[in-house]
């Protein structure tokens, strides 16, 4: 506990990676290219940065992507010795 009987919260220096969150989306809007469907907004910055700036707390809605994807595009089709066939 901190001075005056209040609990002191430790600040984490590790940022939340929105690219690994199932609620993170890329939009077609060039003025607001990033979105968070859990919080219902889009903007220029990563949503976790905007949440922390507005509230002073890290994002509490982060949920890892279920398929293990980290936001990178995957090729569809089957892999052969000569590359990918779509």
PDB file of N, CA and C in Angstrom:
ATOM      1  N   UNK A   1       0.839  -1.187   0.000  1.00  0.00           N
ATOM      2  CA  UNK A   1       0.000   0.000   0.000  1.00  0.00           C
ATOM      3  C   UNK A   1       0.875   1.238   0.000  1.00  0.00           C
ATOM      4  N   UNK A   2       0.383   2.263  -0.634  1.00  0.00           N
ATOM      5  CA  UNK A   2       1.128   3.501  -0.697  1.00  0.00           C
ATOM      6  C   UNK A   2       0.779   4.403   0.469  1.00  0.00           C
ATOM      7  N   UNK A   3       1.244   5.620   0.407  1.00  0.00           N
ATOM      8  CA  UNK A   3       0.985   6.583   1.475  1.00  0.00           C
ATOM      9  C   UNK A   3      -0.510   6.862   1.579  1.00  0.00           C
ATOM     10  N   UNK A   4      -1.003   6.985   2.791  1.00  0.00           N
ATOM     11  CA  UNK A   4      -2.411   7.306   3.009  1.00  0.00           C
ATOM     12  C   UNK A   4      -3.328   6.107   2.875  1.00  0.00           C
ATOM     13  N   UNK A   5      -2.762   4.886   2.863  1.00  0.00           N
ATOM     14  CA  UNK A   5      -3.583   3.687   2.804  1.00  0.00           C
ATOM     15  C   UNK A   5      -4.106   3.337   1.419  1.00  0.00           C
ATOM     16  N   UNK A   6      -3.626   4.014   0.387  1.00  0.00           N
ATOM     17  CA  UNK A   6      -4.089   3.691  -0.964  1.00  0.00           C
ATOM     18  C   UNK A   6      -3.189   2.638  -1.585  1.00  0.00           C
ATOM     19  N   UNK A   7      -3.771   1.804  -2.418  1.00  0.00           N
ATOM     20  CA  UNK A   7      -2.975   0.785  -3.098  1.00  0.00           C
ATOM     21  C   UNK A   7      -2.196   1.433  -4.226  1.00  0.00           C
ATOM     22  N   UNK A   8      -0.961   1.050  -4.346  1.00  0.00           N
ATOM     23  CA  UNK A   8      -0.120   1.578  -5.401  1.00  0.00           C
ATOM     24  C   UNK A   8      -0.062   0.545  -6.521  1.00  0.00           C
ATOM     25  N   UNK A   9      -0.412   0.951  -7.719  1.00  0.00           N
ATOM     26  CA  UNK A   9      -0.424   0.042  -8.853  1.00  0.00           C
ATOM     27  C   UNK A   9       0.897   0.131  -9.591  1.00  0.00           C
ATOM     28  N   UNK A  10       1.505  -1.019  -9.822  1.00  0.00           N
ATOM     29  CA  UNK A  10       2.755  -1.035 -10.570  1.00  0.00           C
ATOM     30  C   UNK A  10       2.453  -0.868 -12.046  1.00  0.00           C
ATOM     31  N   UNK A  11       3.172   0.027 -12.695  1.00  0.00           N
ATOM     32  CA  UNK A  11       3.006   0.254 -14.118  1.00  0.00           C
ATOM     33  C   UNK A  11       3.864  -0.731 -14.894  1.00  0.00           C
ATOM     34  N   UNK A  12       3.268  -1.418 -15.837  1.00  0.00           N
ATOM     35  CA  UNK A  12       4.006  -2.341 -16.690  1.00  0.00           C
ATOM     36  C   UNK A  12       4.646  -1.548 -17.820  1.00  0.00           C
ATOM     37  N   UNK A  13       5.910  -1.819 -18.090  1.00  0.00           N
ATOM     38  CA  UNK A  13       6.587  -1.127 -19.178  1.00  0.00           C
ATOM     39  C   UNK A  13       6.360  -1.849 -20.497  1.00  0.00           C
ATOM     40  N   UNK A  14       5.751  -3.030 -20.441  1.00  0.00           N
ATOM     41  CA  UNK A  14       5.499  -3.802 -21.650  1.00  0.00           C
ATOM     42  C   UNK A  14       4.185  -3.365 -22.279  1.00  0.00           C
ATOM     43  N   UNK A  15       4.238  -2.977 -23.554  1.00  0.00           N
ATOM     44  CA  UNK A  15       3.034  -2.546 -24.257  1.00  0.00           C
ATOM     45  C   UNK A  15       2.242  -3.749 -24.751  1.00  0.00           C
ATOM     46  N   UNK A  16       0.947  -3.572 -24.832  1.00  0.00           N
ATOM     47  CA  UNK A  16       0.077  -4.599 -25.387  1.00  0.00           C
ATOM     48  C   UNK A  16       0.225  -4.563 -26.901  1.00  0.00           C
ATOM     49  N   UNK A  17       0.404  -5.722 -27.509  1.00  0.00           N
ATOM     50  CA  UNK A  17       0.565  -5.822 -28.954  1.00  0.00           C
ATOM     51  C   UNK A  17      -0.797  -6.071 -29.593  1.00  0.00           C
ATOM     52  N   UNK A  18      -1.383  -5.028 -30.145  1.00  0.00           N
ATOM     53  CA  UNK A  18      -2.701  -5.132 -30.762  1.00  0.00           C
ATOM     54  C   UNK A  18      -2.716  -6.122 -31.924  1.00  0.00           C
ATOM     55  N   UNK A  19      -1.589  -6.284 -32.602  1.00  0.00           N
ATOM     56  CA  UNK A  19      -1.522  -7.202 -33.742  1.00  0.00           C
ATOM     57  C   UNK A  19      -1.813  -8.642 -33.322  1.00  0.00           C
ATOM     58  N   UNK A  20      -1.666  -8.945 -32.051  1.00  0.00           N
ATOM     59  CA  UNK A  20      -1.923 -10.297 -31.559  1.00  0.00           C
ATOM     60  C   UNK A  20      -3.280 -10.428 -30.875  1.00  0.00           C
ATOM     61  N   UNK A  21      -4.092  -9.375 -30.964  1.00  0.00           N
ATOM     62  CA  UNK A  21      -5.410  -9.362 -30.325  1.00  0.00           C
ATOM     63  C   UNK A  21      -6.505  -9.681 -31.341  1.00  0.00           C
ATOM     64  N   UNK A  22      -7.471 -10.492 -30.918  1.00  0.00           N
ATOM     65  CA  UNK A  22      -8.548 -10.871 -31.834  1.00  0.00           C
ATOM     66  C   UNK A  22      -9.484  -9.705 -32.157  1.00  0.00           C
ATOM     67  N   UNK A  23      -9.449  -8.639 -31.401  1.00  0.00           N
ATOM     68  CA  UNK A  23     -10.318  -7.493 -31.644  1.00  0.00           C
ATOM     69  C   UNK A  23      -9.684  -6.431 -32.546  1.00  0.00           C
ATOM     70  N   UNK A  24      -8.410  -6.569 -32.869  1.00  0.00           N
ATOM     71  CA  UNK A  24      -7.719  -5.584 -33.701  1.00  0.00           C
ATOM     72  C   UNK A  24      -8.078  -5.795 -35.165  1.00  0.00           C
ATOM     73  N   UNK A  25      -8.377  -4.714 -35.865  1.00  0.00           N
ATOM     74  CA  UNK A  25      -8.711  -4.769 -37.287  1.00  0.00           C
ATOM     75  C   UNK A  25      -8.006  -3.641 -38.026  1.00  0.00           C
ATOM     76  N   UNK A  26      -7.700  -3.884 -39.290  1.00  0.00           N
ATOM     77  CA  UNK A  26      -7.189  -2.856 -40.196  1.00  0.00           C
ATOM     78  C   UNK A  26      -8.386  -2.381 -41.009  1.00  0.00           C
ATOM     79  N   UNK A  27      -8.559  -1.070 -41.126  1.00  0.00           N
ATOM     80  CA  UNK A  27      -9.698  -0.527 -41.871  1.00  0.00           C
ATOM     81  C   UNK A  27      -9.245  -0.014 -43.233  1.00  0.00           C
ATOM     82  N   UNK A  28     -10.200   0.308 -44.071  1.00  0.00           N
ATOM     83  CA  UNK A  28      -9.910   0.907 -45.379  1.00  0.00           C
ATOM     84  C   UNK A  28      -9.849   2.431 -45.276  1.00  0.00           C
ATOM     85  N   UNK A  29     -10.119   2.981 -44.128  1.00  0.00           N
ATOM     86  CA  UNK A  29     -10.138   4.431 -43.935  1.00  0.00           C
ATOM     87  C   UNK A  29      -8.714   4.939 -43.740  1.00  0.00           C
ATOM     88  N   UNK A  30      -8.159   5.696 -44.704  1.00  0.00           N
ATOM     89  CA  UNK A  30      -6.777   6.172 -44.565  1.00  0.00           C
ATOM     90  C   UNK A  30      -6.580   7.137 -43.393  1.00  0.00           C
ATOM     91  N   UNK A  31      -7.638   7.797 -42.952  1.00  0.00           N
ATOM     92  CA  UNK A  31      -7.541   8.708 -41.810  1.00  0.00           C
ATOM     93  C   UNK A  31      -7.622   7.979 -40.472  1.00  0.00           C
ATOM     94  N   UNK A  32      -8.189   6.777 -40.485  1.00  0.00           N
ATOM     95  CA  UNK A  32      -8.346   5.962 -39.274  1.00  0.00           C
ATOM     96  C   UNK A  32      -8.075   4.502 -39.636  1.00  0.00           C
ATOM     97  N   UNK A  33      -6.813   4.149 -39.867  1.00  0.00           N
ATOM     98  CA  UNK A  33      -6.496   2.813 -40.390  1.00  0.00           C
ATOM     99  C   UNK A  33      -6.555   1.660 -39.394  1.00  0.00           C
ATOM    100  N   UNK A  34      -6.613   1.933 -38.111  1.00  0.00           N
ATOM    101  CA  UNK A  34      -6.598   0.863 -37.102  1.00  0.00           C
ATOM    102  C   UNK A  34      -7.873   0.921 -36.266  1.00  0.00           C
ATOM    103  N   UNK A  35      -8.396  -0.261 -35.905  1.00  0.00           N
ATOM    104  CA  UNK A  35      -9.650  -0.296 -35.155  1.00  0.00           C
ATOM    105  C   UNK A  35      -9.619  -1.369 -34.080  1.00  0.00           C
ATOM    106  N   UNK A  36     -10.433  -1.137 -33.049  1.00  0.00           N
ATOM    107  CA  UNK A  36     -10.649  -2.114 -31.986  1.00  0.00           C
ATOM    108  C   UNK A  36     -12.145  -2.388 -31.940  1.00  0.00           C
ATOM    109  N   UNK A  37     -12.531  -3.615 -32.286  1.00  0.00           N
ATOM    110  CA  UNK A  37     -13.958  -3.940 -32.285  1.00  0.00           C
ATOM    111  C   UNK A  37     -14.500  -4.112 -30.867  1.00  0.00           C
ATOM    112  N   UNK A  38     -13.656  -4.466 -29.914  1.00  0.00           N
ATOM    113  CA  UNK A  38     -14.104  -4.619 -28.523  1.00  0.00           C
ATOM    114  C   UNK A  38     -14.472  -3.268 -27.919  1.00  0.00           C
ATOM    115  N   UNK A  39     -13.681  -2.245 -28.227  1.00  0.00           N
ATOM    116  CA  UNK A  39     -13.920  -0.921 -27.655  1.00  0.00           C
ATOM    117  C   UNK A  39     -14.777  -0.048 -28.574  1.00  0.00           C
ATOM    118  N   UNK A  40     -14.905  -0.453 -29.841  1.00  0.00           N
ATOM    119  CA  UNK A  40     -15.779   0.256 -30.766  1.00  0.00           C
ATOM    120  C   UNK A  40     -15.245   1.571 -31.288  1.00  0.00           C
ATOM    121  N   UNK A  41     -13.954   1.645 -31.601  1.00  0.00           N
ATOM    122  CA  UNK A  41     -13.414   2.868 -32.184  1.00  0.00           C
ATOM    123  C   UNK A  41     -12.315   2.542 -33.180  1.00  0.00           C
ATOM    124  N   UNK A  42     -11.983   3.544 -34.009  1.00  0.00           N
ATOM    125  CA  UNK A  42     -10.856   3.428 -34.927  1.00  0.00           C
ATOM    126  C   UNK A  42     -10.057   4.719 -34.879  1.00  0.00           C
ATOM    127  N   UNK A  43      -8.783   4.643 -35.235  1.00  0.00           N
ATOM    128  CA  UNK A  43      -7.923   5.816 -35.169  1.00  0.00           C
ATOM    129  C   UNK A  43      -6.612   5.602 -35.895  1.00  0.00           C
ATOM    130  N   UNK A  44      -5.725   6.581 -35.783  1.00  0.00           N
ATOM    131  CA  UNK A  44      -4.413   6.508 -36.438  1.00  0.00           C
ATOM    132  C   UNK A  44      -3.418   5.678 -35.642  1.00  0.00           C
ATOM    133  N   UNK A  45      -3.496   5.770 -34.321  1.00  0.00           N
ATOM    134  CA  UNK A  45      -2.562   5.053 -33.442  1.00  0.00           C
ATOM    135  C   UNK A  45      -3.056   3.629 -33.209  1.00  0.00           C
ATOM    136  N   UNK A  46      -2.174   2.800 -32.665  1.00  0.00           N
ATOM    137  CA  UNK A  46      -2.603   1.473 -32.247  1.00  0.00           C
ATOM    138  C   UNK A  46      -3.642   1.666 -31.138  1.00  0.00           C
ATOM    139  N   UNK A  47      -4.721   0.889 -31.143  1.00  0.00           N
ATOM    140  CA  UNK A  47      -5.770   1.070 -30.132  1.00  0.00           C
ATOM    141  C   UNK A  47      -5.268   1.016 -28.691  1.00  0.00           C
ATOM    142  N   UNK A  48      -4.319   0.141 -28.388  1.00  0.00           N
ATOM    143  CA  UNK A  48      -3.825   0.054 -27.005  1.00  0.00           C
ATOM    144  C   UNK A  48      -3.152   1.350 -26.565  1.00  0.00           C
ATOM    145  N   UNK A  49      -2.503   2.037 -27.495  1.00  0.00           N
ATOM    146  CA  UNK A  49      -1.854   3.315 -27.186  1.00  0.00           C
ATOM    147  C   UNK A  49      -2.920   4.372 -26.888  1.00  0.00           C
ATOM    148  N   UNK A  50      -3.973   4.404 -27.709  1.00  0.00           N
ATOM    149  CA  UNK A  50      -5.043   5.381 -27.496  1.00  0.00           C
ATOM    150  C   UNK A  50      -5.793   5.126 -26.187  1.00  0.00           C
ATOM    151  N   UNK A  51      -6.019   3.847 -25.861  1.00  0.00           N
ATOM    152  CA  UNK A  51      -6.709   3.506 -24.607  1.00  0.00           C
ATOM    153  C   UNK A  51      -5.882   3.960 -23.412  1.00  0.00           C
ATOM    154  N   UNK A  52      -4.581   3.671 -23.444  1.00  0.00           N
ATOM    155  CA  UNK A  52      -3.720   4.060 -22.321  1.00  0.00           C
ATOM    156  C   UNK A  52      -3.621   5.575 -22.194  1.00  0.00           C
ATOM    157  N   UNK A  53      -3.567   6.270 -23.325  1.00  0.00           N
ATOM    158  CA  UNK A  53      -3.497   7.733 -23.289  1.00  0.00           C
ATOM    159  C   UNK A  53      -4.786   8.321 -22.707  1.00  0.00           C
ATOM    160  N   UNK A  54      -5.926   7.771 -23.082  1.00  0.00           N
ATOM    161  CA  UNK A  54      -7.212   8.315 -22.633  1.00  0.00           C
ATOM    162  C   UNK A  54      -7.540   7.952 -21.188  1.00  0.00           C
ATOM    163  N   UNK A  55      -7.203   6.728 -20.784  1.00  0.00           N
ATOM    164  CA  UNK A  55      -7.615   6.268 -19.457  1.00  0.00           C
ATOM    165  C   UNK A  55      -6.499   6.241 -18.419  1.00  0.00           C
ATOM    166  N   UNK A  56      -5.258   6.205 -18.905  1.00  0.00           N
ATOM    167  CA  UNK A  56      -4.138   6.079 -17.981  1.00  0.00           C
ATOM    168  C   UNK A  56      -3.866   4.641 -17.571  1.00  0.00           C
ATOM    169  N   UNK A  57      -4.633   3.704 -18.131  1.00  0.00           N
ATOM    170  CA  UNK A  57      -4.484   2.277 -17.816  1.00  0.00           C
ATOM    171  C   UNK A  57      -4.275   1.488 -19.100  1.00  0.00           C
ATOM    172  N   UNK A  58      -3.600   0.359 -19.018  1.00  0.00           N
ATOM    173  CA  UNK A  58      -3.456  -0.481 -20.213  1.00  0.00           C
ATOM    174  C   UNK A  58      -4.814  -1.055 -20.621  1.00  0.00           C
ATOM    175  N   UNK A  59      -4.920  -1.461 -21.857  1.00  0.00           N
ATOM    176  CA  UNK A  59      -6.161  -2.034 -22.379  1.00  0.00           C
ATOM    177  C   UNK A  59      -6.537  -3.288 -21.601  1.00  0.00           C
ATOM    178  N   UNK A  60      -7.788  -3.341 -21.154  1.00  0.00           N
ATOM    179  CA  UNK A  60      -8.274  -4.490 -20.397  1.00  0.00           C
ATOM    180  C   UNK A  60      -9.062  -5.465 -21.269  1.00  0.00           C
ATOM    181  N   UNK A  61      -9.232  -5.141 -22.550  1.00  0.00           N
ATOM    182  CA  UNK A  61     -10.007  -5.988 -23.453  1.00  0.00           C
ATOM    183  C   UNK A  61      -9.139  -6.909 -24.306  1.00  0.00           C
ATOM    184  N   UNK A  62      -7.817  -6.863 -24.147  1.00  0.00           N
ATOM    185  CA  UNK A  62      -6.927  -7.691 -24.969  1.00  0.00           C
ATOM    186  C   UNK A  62      -7.294  -9.164 -24.830  1.00  0.00           C
ATOM    187  N   UNK A  63      -7.412  -9.837 -25.974  1.00  0.00           N
ATOM    188  CA  UNK A  63      -7.662 -11.283 -26.004  1.00  0.00           C
ATOM    189  C   UNK A  63      -6.830 -11.858 -27.148  1.00  0.00           C
ATOM    190  N   UNK A  64      -5.955 -12.809 -26.870  1.00  0.00           N
ATOM    191  CA  UNK A  64      -5.103 -13.361 -27.928  1.00  0.00           C
ATOM    192  C   UNK A  64      -5.927 -13.999 -29.043  1.00  0.00           C
ATOM    193  N   UNK A  65      -5.404 -13.899 -30.258  1.00  0.00           N
ATOM    194  CA  UNK A  65      -6.061 -14.553 -31.390  1.00  0.00           C
ATOM    195  C   UNK A  65      -6.070 -16.050 -31.150  1.00  0.00           C
ATOM    196  N   UNK A  66      -7.189 -16.683 -31.430  1.00  0.00           N
ATOM    197  CA  UNK A  66      -7.358 -18.102 -31.135  1.00  0.00           C
ATOM    198  C   UNK A  66      -6.601 -19.014 -32.082  1.00  0.00           C
ATOM    199  N   UNK A  67      -6.375 -18.571 -33.319  1.00  0.00           N
ATOM    200  CA  UNK A  67      -5.711 -19.432 -34.295  1.00  0.00           C
ATOM    201  C   UNK A  67      -4.192 -19.326 -34.244  1.00  0.00           C
ATOM    202  N   UNK A  68      -3.667 -18.552 -33.310  1.00  0.00           N
ATOM    203  CA  UNK A  68      -2.223 -18.391 -33.195  1.00  0.00           C
ATOM    204  C   UNK A  68      -1.653 -17.396 -34.184  1.00  0.00           C
ATOM    205  N   UNK A  69      -2.507 -16.778 -34.981  1.00  0.00           N
ATOM    206  CA  UNK A  69      -2.060 -15.819 -35.982  1.00  0.00           C
ATOM    207  C   UNK A  69      -1.557 -14.557 -35.296  1.00  0.00           C
ATOM    208  N   UNK A  70      -0.537 -13.952 -35.862  1.00  0.00           N
ATOM    209  CA  UNK A  70      -0.001 -12.718 -35.296  1.00  0.00           C
ATOM    210  C   UNK A  70      -0.269 -11.529 -36.204  1.00  0.00           C
ATOM    211  N   UNK A  71      -1.294 -11.645 -37.054  1.00  0.00           N
ATOM    212  CA  UNK A  71      -1.645 -10.537 -37.921  1.00  0.00           C
ATOM    213  C   UNK A  71      -0.997 -10.606 -39.283  1.00  0.00           C
ATOM    214  N   UNK A  72      -0.183 -11.600 -39.540  1.00  0.00           N
ATOM    215  CA  UNK A  72       0.450 -11.722 -40.840  1.00  0.00           C
ATOM    216  C   UNK A  72      -0.458 -12.487 -41.773  1.00  0.00           C
ATOM    217  N   UNK A  73      -0.471 -12.073 -43.026  1.00  0.00           N
ATOM    218  CA  UNK A  73      -1.316 -12.703 -44.023  1.00  0.00           C
ATOM    219  C   UNK A  73      -0.768 -14.079 -44.369  1.00  0.00           C
ATOM    220  N   UNK A  74      -1.636 -15.042 -44.473  1.00  0.00           N
ATOM    221  CA  UNK A  74      -1.248 -16.403 -44.808  1.00  0.00           C
ATOM    222  C   UNK A  74      -1.703 -16.728 -46.225  1.00  0.00           C
ATOM    223  N   UNK A  75      -0.909 -17.486 -46.942  1.00  0.00           N
ATOM    224  CA  UNK A  75      -1.289 -17.918 -48.280  1.00  0.00           C
ATOM    225  C   UNK A  75      -2.319 -19.031 -48.167  1.00  0.00           C
ATOM    226  N   UNK A  76      -3.300 -19.000 -49.052  1.00  0.00           N
ATOM    227  CA  UNK A  76      -4.274 -20.086 -49.057  1.00  0.00           C
ATOM    228  C   UNK A  76      -3.888 -21.057 -50.162  1.00  0.00           C
ATOM    229  N   UNK A  77      -4.117 -22.301 -49.959  1.00  0.00           N
ATOM    230  CA  UNK A  77      -3.754 -23.303 -50.947  1.00  0.00           C
ATOM    231  C   UNK A  77      -2.852 -24.343 -50.324  1.00  0.00           C
ATOM    232  N   UNK A  78      -2.227 -25.123 -51.161  1.00  0.00           N
ATOM    233  CA  UNK A  78      -1.352 -26.178 -50.670  1.00  0.00           C
ATOM    234  C   UNK A  78       0.079 -25.910 -51.084  1.00  0.00           C
ATOM    235  N   UNK A  79       0.997 -26.291 -50.232  1.00  0.00           N
ATOM    236  CA  UNK A  79       2.410 -26.079 -50.507  1.00  0.00           C
ATOM    237  C   UNK A  79       2.965 -27.303 -51.228  1.00  0.00           C
ATOM    238  N   UNK A  80       3.787 -27.030 -52.247  1.00  0.00           N
ATOM    239  CA  UNK A  80       4.465 -28.098 -52.975  1.00  0.00           C
ATOM    240  C   UNK A  80       5.955 -27.821 -52.930  1.00  0.00           C
ATOM    241  N   UNK A  81       6.725 -28.686 -53.551  1.00  0.00           N
ATOM    242  CA  UNK A  81       8.170 -28.465 -53.613  1.00  0.00           C
ATOM    243  C   UNK A  81       8.516 -27.224 -54.425  1.00  0.00           C
ATOM    244  N   UNK A  82       7.590 -26.786 -55.275  1.00  0.00           N
ATOM    245  CA  UNK A  82       7.850 -25.649 -56.161  1.00  0.00           C
ATOM    246  C   UNK A  82       7.199 -24.360 -55.682  1.00  0.00           C
ATOM    247  N   UNK A  83       6.575 -24.368 -54.539  1.00  0.00           N
ATOM    248  CA  UNK A  83       5.925 -23.169 -54.020  1.00  0.00           C
ATOM    249  C   UNK A  83       4.478 -23.441 -53.671  1.00  0.00           C
ATOM    250  N   UNK A  84       3.668 -22.398 -53.742  1.00  0.00           N
ATOM    251  CA  UNK A  84       2.258 -22.503 -53.359  1.00  0.00           C
ATOM    252  C   UNK A  84       1.378 -22.555 -54.599  1.00  0.00           C
ATOM    253  N   UNK A  85       0.396 -23.438 -54.579  1.00  0.00           N
ATOM    254  CA  UNK A  85      -0.640 -23.464 -55.605  1.00  0.00           C
ATOM    255  C   UNK A  85      -1.928 -22.981 -54.967  1.00  0.00           C
ATOM    256  N   UNK A  86      -2.565 -22.060 -55.629  1.00  0.00           N
ATOM    257  CA  UNK A  86      -3.790 -21.496 -55.075  1.00  0.00           C
ATOM    258  C   UNK A  86      -4.979 -22.005 -55.842  1.00  0.00           C
TER     259      UNK A  86
END
